[in-house]
Amino acid sequence: MHAGVFADAFDAEAYRRFLSEVADRDLRILITEMDVLDDDLPANIAVRDRMIADTIRAYLDVALAEPAVASLMTFGLSDRYTWLQEDFPRPDEARRRPLPFDEGLKPKPAYDALTIGLKGAAPRDLLWRPPRC
């Protein structure tokens, strides 16, 4: 899930139907590489962070309502090491902020959005149990 900020463009009902159709095939759904591309967002950090967090919440509100969603992983934890900054720097040279923790490893609104979304999700069965040592 390398998302852009959807604002009003996210069709929650269409995404809900898609997840349901995947689940109807008796498949488990893994959300991987979650980050939010902040192109086209203002350089203002507070505004950007709020818009990224809102995108994460909108996405998780739908995704985590589907019981077949078994796992959620971000594409890194800190903006310090994001691939987006290395491979696709912003044209305005502002540092990218796509992940839950900032470059100083402090939690951002994206972290709060993830925490709230996960706390509100129904418990899941283990996807995989490691072998006993």
Protein backbone atom coordinates (compact mmCIF):
# COMPACT_ATOMS: atom_id res chain seq x y z
CA MET A 1 0.00 0.00 0.00
CA HIS A 2 1.93 2.96 -1.27
CA ALA A 3 -0.92 5.45 -1.05
CA GLY A 4 -1.26 9.03 -2.00
CA VAL A 5 -3.47 11.32 0.04
CA PHE A 6 -6.95 10.57 -1.22
CA ALA A 7 -8.93 13.32 0.51
CA ASP A 8 -12.33 13.13 -1.22
CA ALA A 9 -11.20 10.69 -3.93
CA PHE A 10 -11.25 7.54 -1.74
CA ASP A 11 -14.24 5.35 -2.53
CA ALA A 12 -14.62 3.48 0.76
CA GLU A 13 -17.57 1.41 -0.47
CA ALA A 14 -15.71 0.24 -3.59
CA TYR A 15 -12.69 -0.70 -1.47
CA ARG A 16 -14.94 -2.54 1.01
CA ARG A 17 -16.48 -4.53 -1.88
CA PHE A 18 -13.03 -5.33 -3.27
CA LEU A 19 -11.79 -6.66 0.08
CA SER A 20 -14.98 -8.68 0.50
CA GLU A 21 -14.56 -10.21 -2.97
CA VAL A 22 -10.99 -11.21 -2.14
CA ALA A 23 -12.13 -12.68 1.19
CA ASP A 24 -14.92 -14.60 -0.60
CA ARG A 25 -12.17 -16.51 -2.42
CA ASP A 26 -11.06 -17.83 0.98
CA LEU A 27 -7.88 -15.75 0.90
CA ARG A 28 -6.19 -13.95 3.78
CA ILE A 29 -5.29 -10.33 3.06
CA LEU A 30 -1.94 -8.87 4.04
CA ILE A 31 -1.47 -5.11 3.95
CA THR A 32 2.21 -4.53 3.34
CA GLU A 33 4.51 -1.61 2.62
CA MET A 34 2.10 0.95 4.04
CA ASP A 35 3.27 4.51 3.58
CA VAL A 36 1.66 7.67 2.26
CA LEU A 37 3.25 9.69 -0.51
CA ASP A 38 3.10 13.37 0.34
CA ASP A 39 3.49 14.81 -3.16
CA ASP A 40 1.16 17.70 -3.87
CA LEU A 41 0.77 18.43 -0.15
CA PRO A 42 1.85 21.73 1.38
CA ALA A 43 5.35 21.87 2.84
CA ASN A 44 3.80 22.84 6.19
CA ILE A 45 4.56 19.87 8.45
CA ALA A 46 1.44 20.09 10.62
CA VAL A 47 -0.86 20.23 7.60
CA ARG A 48 0.96 17.41 5.82
CA ASP A 49 1.01 15.20 8.91
CA ARG A 50 -2.72 15.71 9.47
CA MET A 51 -3.56 14.86 5.85
CA ILE A 52 -1.39 11.72 5.95
CA ALA A 53 -2.97 10.62 9.23
CA ASP A 54 -6.46 11.23 7.82
CA THR A 55 -5.59 9.05 4.81
CA ILE A 56 -4.35 6.24 7.06
CA ARG A 57 -7.49 6.40 9.20
CA ALA A 58 -9.84 6.36 6.19
CA TYR A 59 -7.98 3.39 4.74
CA LEU A 60 -7.82 1.43 8.01
CA ASP A 61 -11.45 2.11 8.89
CA VAL A 62 -12.38 0.09 5.80
CA ALA A 63 -9.51 -2.41 5.67
CA LEU A 64 -9.66 -3.49 9.31
CA ALA A 65 -13.42 -3.96 9.16
CA GLU A 66 -12.75 -6.92 6.85
CA PRO A 67 -11.99 -10.02 8.98
CA ALA A 68 -9.83 -11.51 6.20
CA VAL A 69 -7.26 -8.74 6.70
CA ALA A 70 -4.72 -10.65 8.74
CA SER A 71 -1.66 -8.42 8.82
CA LEU A 72 -0.55 -4.81 8.56
CA MET A 73 3.04 -3.71 7.99
CA THR A 74 4.42 -0.27 7.28
CA PHE A 75 7.24 0.23 4.78
CA GLY A 76 9.61 1.20 7.55
CA LEU A 77 8.97 3.00 10.81
CA SER A 78 10.84 6.28 10.53
CA ASP A 79 11.00 9.06 7.97
CA ARG A 80 14.74 8.98 8.56
CA TYR A 81 15.09 5.94 6.32
CA THR A 82 12.18 6.18 3.90
CA TRP A 83 12.80 5.02 0.36
CA LEU A 84 10.64 7.89 -0.86
CA GLN A 85 13.15 10.49 0.32
CA GLU A 86 16.03 8.61 -1.30
CA ASP A 87 14.37 7.71 -4.59
CA PHE A 88 11.73 10.43 -5.05
CA PRO A 89 12.62 13.64 -3.22
CA ARG A 90 9.92 16.31 -3.19
CA PRO A 91 10.34 19.01 -5.84
CA ASP A 92 10.24 21.69 -3.10
CA GLU A 93 13.04 19.85 -1.23
CA ALA A 94 10.92 19.47 1.93
CA ARG A 95 11.76 16.23 3.73
CA ARG A 96 9.22 13.46 3.19
CA ARG A 97 7.03 12.35 6.11
CA PRO A 98 5.25 9.13 5.00
CA LEU A 99 5.74 6.94 8.09
CA PRO A 100 4.60 6.74 11.75
CA PHE A 101 7.78 8.20 13.29
CA ASP A 102 9.69 11.33 12.28
CA GLU A 103 13.42 11.51 11.56
CA GLY A 104 14.07 11.89 15.30
CA LEU A 105 12.03 8.73 15.97
CA LYS A 106 9.20 10.68 17.61
CA PRO A 107 5.64 9.49 16.93
CA LYS A 108 3.59 11.59 14.52
CA PRO A 109 -0.15 11.81 13.79
CA ALA A 110 0.35 8.83 11.42
CA TYR A 111 1.35 6.76 14.47
CA ASP A 112 -1.77 7.89 16.29
CA ALA A 113 -3.92 6.98 13.28
CA LEU A 114 -2.38 3.49 13.16
CA THR A 115 -2.80 3.02 16.91
CA ILE A 116 -6.44 4.11 16.90
CA GLY A 117 -7.22 1.97 13.86
CA LEU A 118 -5.59 -1.13 15.33
CA LYS A 119 -7.15 -0.66 18.77
CA GLY A 120 -10.57 -0.43 17.16
CA ALA A 121 -10.09 -3.56 15.05
CA ALA A 122 -11.56 -6.90 16.00
CA PRO A 123 -9.01 -9.46 17.23
CA ARG A 124 -7.56 -11.71 14.52
CA ASP A 125 -6.35 -15.27 14.51
CA LEU A 126 -2.61 -15.68 14.18
CA LEU A 127 -1.55 -15.68 10.56
CA TRP A 128 1.49 -17.83 11.34
CA ARG A 129 2.82 -19.45 14.48
CA PRO A 130 6.60 -19.87 14.65
CA PRO A 131 7.90 -23.34 15.37
CA ARG A 132 8.84 -23.99 18.95
CA CYS A 133 12.53 -23.86 19.73
